[in-house]
Amino acid sequence: MEPKDLLTDEILKQFKTGKQLNDFLMQVQKRGIEKMLEGELDDHLGYEKHEKAIAHNSRNGYGTKKVRTSLGKSEYHRH
């Protein structure tokens, strides 16, 4: 499925103001960046979340990362 196929006319019609649309886009961006950060960490450590660590470098809780995007600055939390 292509990303453009996810934004149907029915979905877009629910937004009545630019603020509502912008809030939605910021939520989509936030979730997307969080998943990218999880994938980056999986790749760096060599295993996925909740798997047993195969090296000394392992997940030990959570962290935050500040990201600056075209929609503004956001802070993302990794678990």
C-alpha atoms as a PDB file:
ATOM      1  CA  MET A   1       0.000   0.000   0.000  1.00  0.00           C
ATOM      2  CA  GLU A   2       1.258   3.461  -0.886  1.00  0.00           C
ATOM      3  CA  PRO A   3       1.229   6.227   1.770  1.00  0.00           C
ATOM      4  CA  LYS A   4      -0.963   8.378  -0.514  1.00  0.00           C
ATOM      5  CA  ASP A   5      -3.616   5.621  -0.418  1.00  0.00           C
ATOM      6  CA  LEU A   6      -4.002   6.081   3.351  1.00  0.00           C
ATOM      7  CA  LEU A   7      -5.263   9.662   3.056  1.00  0.00           C
ATOM      8  CA  THR A   8      -8.617   9.102   1.415  1.00  0.00           C
ATOM      9  CA  ASP A   9     -11.092  11.896   0.750  1.00  0.00           C
ATOM     10  CA  GLU A  10     -13.255  10.577   3.601  1.00  0.00           C
ATOM     11  CA  ILE A  11     -10.397  10.907   6.063  1.00  0.00           C
ATOM     12  CA  LEU A  12      -9.467  14.376   4.844  1.00  0.00           C
ATOM     13  CA  LYS A  13     -13.088  15.630   4.936  1.00  0.00           C
ATOM     14  CA  GLN A  14     -13.166  15.274   8.722  1.00  0.00           C
ATOM     15  CA  PHE A  15     -10.821  18.260   9.142  1.00  0.00           C
ATOM     16  CA  LYS A  16     -12.732  21.530   9.283  1.00  0.00           C
ATOM     17  CA  THR A  17      -9.829  23.853  10.108  1.00  0.00           C
ATOM     18  CA  GLY A  18      -6.176  24.134   9.261  1.00  0.00           C
ATOM     19  CA  LYS A  19      -5.357  23.614  12.940  1.00  0.00           C
ATOM     20  CA  GLN A  20      -7.198  20.269  13.005  1.00  0.00           C
ATOM     21  CA  LEU A  21      -5.298  19.118   9.920  1.00  0.00           C
ATOM     22  CA  ASN A  22      -1.977  20.356  11.308  1.00  0.00           C
ATOM     23  CA  ASP A  23      -2.591  18.591  14.653  1.00  0.00           C
ATOM     24  CA  PHE A  24      -3.322  15.357  12.784  1.00  0.00           C
ATOM     25  CA  LEU A  25      -0.202  15.697  10.635  1.00  0.00           C
ATOM     26  CA  MET A  26       1.907  16.324  13.733  1.00  0.00           C
ATOM     27  CA  GLN A  27       0.513  13.143  15.343  1.00  0.00           C
ATOM     28  CA  VAL A  28       1.298  11.132  12.202  1.00  0.00           C
ATOM     29  CA  GLN A  29       4.801  12.579  12.096  1.00  0.00           C
ATOM     30  CA  LYS A  30       5.364  11.886  15.808  1.00  0.00           C
ATOM     31  CA  ARG A  31       4.324   8.236  15.489  1.00  0.00           C
ATOM     32  CA  GLY A  32       6.395   7.810  12.344  1.00  0.00           C
ATOM     33  CA  ILE A  33       9.524   9.259  13.939  1.00  0.00           C
ATOM     34  CA  GLU A  34       9.034   7.128  17.066  1.00  0.00           C
ATOM     35  CA  LYS A  35       8.904   3.985  14.907  1.00  0.00           C
ATOM     36  CA  MET A  36      11.976   5.105  12.956  1.00  0.00           C
ATOM     37  CA  LEU A  37      13.861   5.656  16.218  1.00  0.00           C
ATOM     38  CA  GLU A  38      12.831   2.189  17.436  1.00  0.00           C
ATOM     39  CA  GLY A  39      14.119   0.695  14.183  1.00  0.00           C
ATOM     40  CA  GLU A  40      17.345   2.660  14.489  1.00  0.00           C
ATOM     41  CA  LEU A  41      17.877   1.297  17.996  1.00  0.00           C
ATOM     42  CA  ASP A  42      17.018  -2.263  16.899  1.00  0.00           C
ATOM     43  CA  ASP A  43      19.587  -1.987  14.126  1.00  0.00           C
ATOM     44  CA  HIS A  44      22.236  -0.480  16.385  1.00  0.00           C
ATOM     45  CA  LEU A  45      21.832  -3.118  19.105  1.00  0.00           C
ATOM     46  CA  GLY A  46      21.293  -6.025  16.717  1.00  0.00           C
ATOM     47  CA  TYR A  47      18.038  -7.253  18.261  1.00  0.00           C
ATOM     48  CA  GLU A  48      14.427  -6.128  18.596  1.00  0.00           C
ATOM     49  CA  LYS A  49      12.682  -4.814  21.669  1.00  0.00           C
ATOM     50  CA  HIS A  50      11.793  -7.563  24.188  1.00  0.00           C
ATOM     51  CA  GLU A  51      14.316  -9.990  22.692  1.00  0.00           C
ATOM     52  CA  LYS A  52      17.191 -11.269  24.792  1.00  0.00           C
ATOM     53  CA  ALA A  53      20.346  -9.201  24.336  1.00  0.00           C
ATOM     54  CA  ILE A  54      23.164 -11.014  22.547  1.00  0.00           C
ATOM     55  CA  ALA A  55      25.800  -8.457  23.558  1.00  0.00           C
ATOM     56  CA  HIS A  56      26.712  -6.286  26.499  1.00  0.00           C
ATOM     57  CA  ASN A  57      25.083  -3.250  24.886  1.00  0.00           C
ATOM     58  CA  SER A  58      21.402  -3.604  25.767  1.00  0.00           C
ATOM     59  CA  ARG A  59      18.206  -1.714  26.393  1.00  0.00           C
ATOM     60  CA  ASN A  60      17.934  -0.601  29.975  1.00  0.00           C
ATOM     61  CA  GLY A  61      14.833   1.538  30.210  1.00  0.00           C
ATOM     62  CA  TYR A  62      13.890   4.527  28.144  1.00  0.00           C
ATOM     63  CA  GLY A  63      15.322   7.689  26.703  1.00  0.00           C
ATOM     64  CA  THR A  64      14.300  10.877  24.988  1.00  0.00           C
ATOM     65  CA  LYS A  65      15.424  12.511  21.789  1.00  0.00           C
ATOM     66  CA  LYS A  66      14.682  16.020  20.554  1.00  0.00           C
ATOM     67  CA  VAL A  67      13.974  16.289  16.836  1.00  0.00           C
ATOM     68  CA  ARG A  68      13.535  19.414  14.739  1.00  0.00           C
ATOM     69  CA  THR A  69      11.262  18.973  11.702  1.00  0.00           C
ATOM     70  CA  SER A  70       9.407  21.123   9.200  1.00  0.00           C
ATOM     71  CA  LEU A  71       6.397  20.938  11.545  1.00  0.00           C
ATOM     72  CA  GLY A  72       8.403  22.206  14.513  1.00  0.00           C
ATOM     73  CA  LYS A  73      10.449  20.800  17.381  1.00  0.00           C
ATOM     74  CA  SER A  74       9.294  17.692  19.235  1.00  0.00           C
ATOM     75  CA  GLU A  75      10.584  15.456  21.976  1.00  0.00           C
ATOM     76  CA  TYR A  76      10.243  11.724  21.456  1.00  0.00           C
ATOM     77  CA  HIS A  77      10.325   9.041  24.105  1.00  0.00           C
ATOM     78  CA  ARG A  78      11.799   5.592  23.492  1.00  0.00           C
ATOM     79  CA  HIS A  79      10.985   2.627  25.708  1.00  0.00           C
END
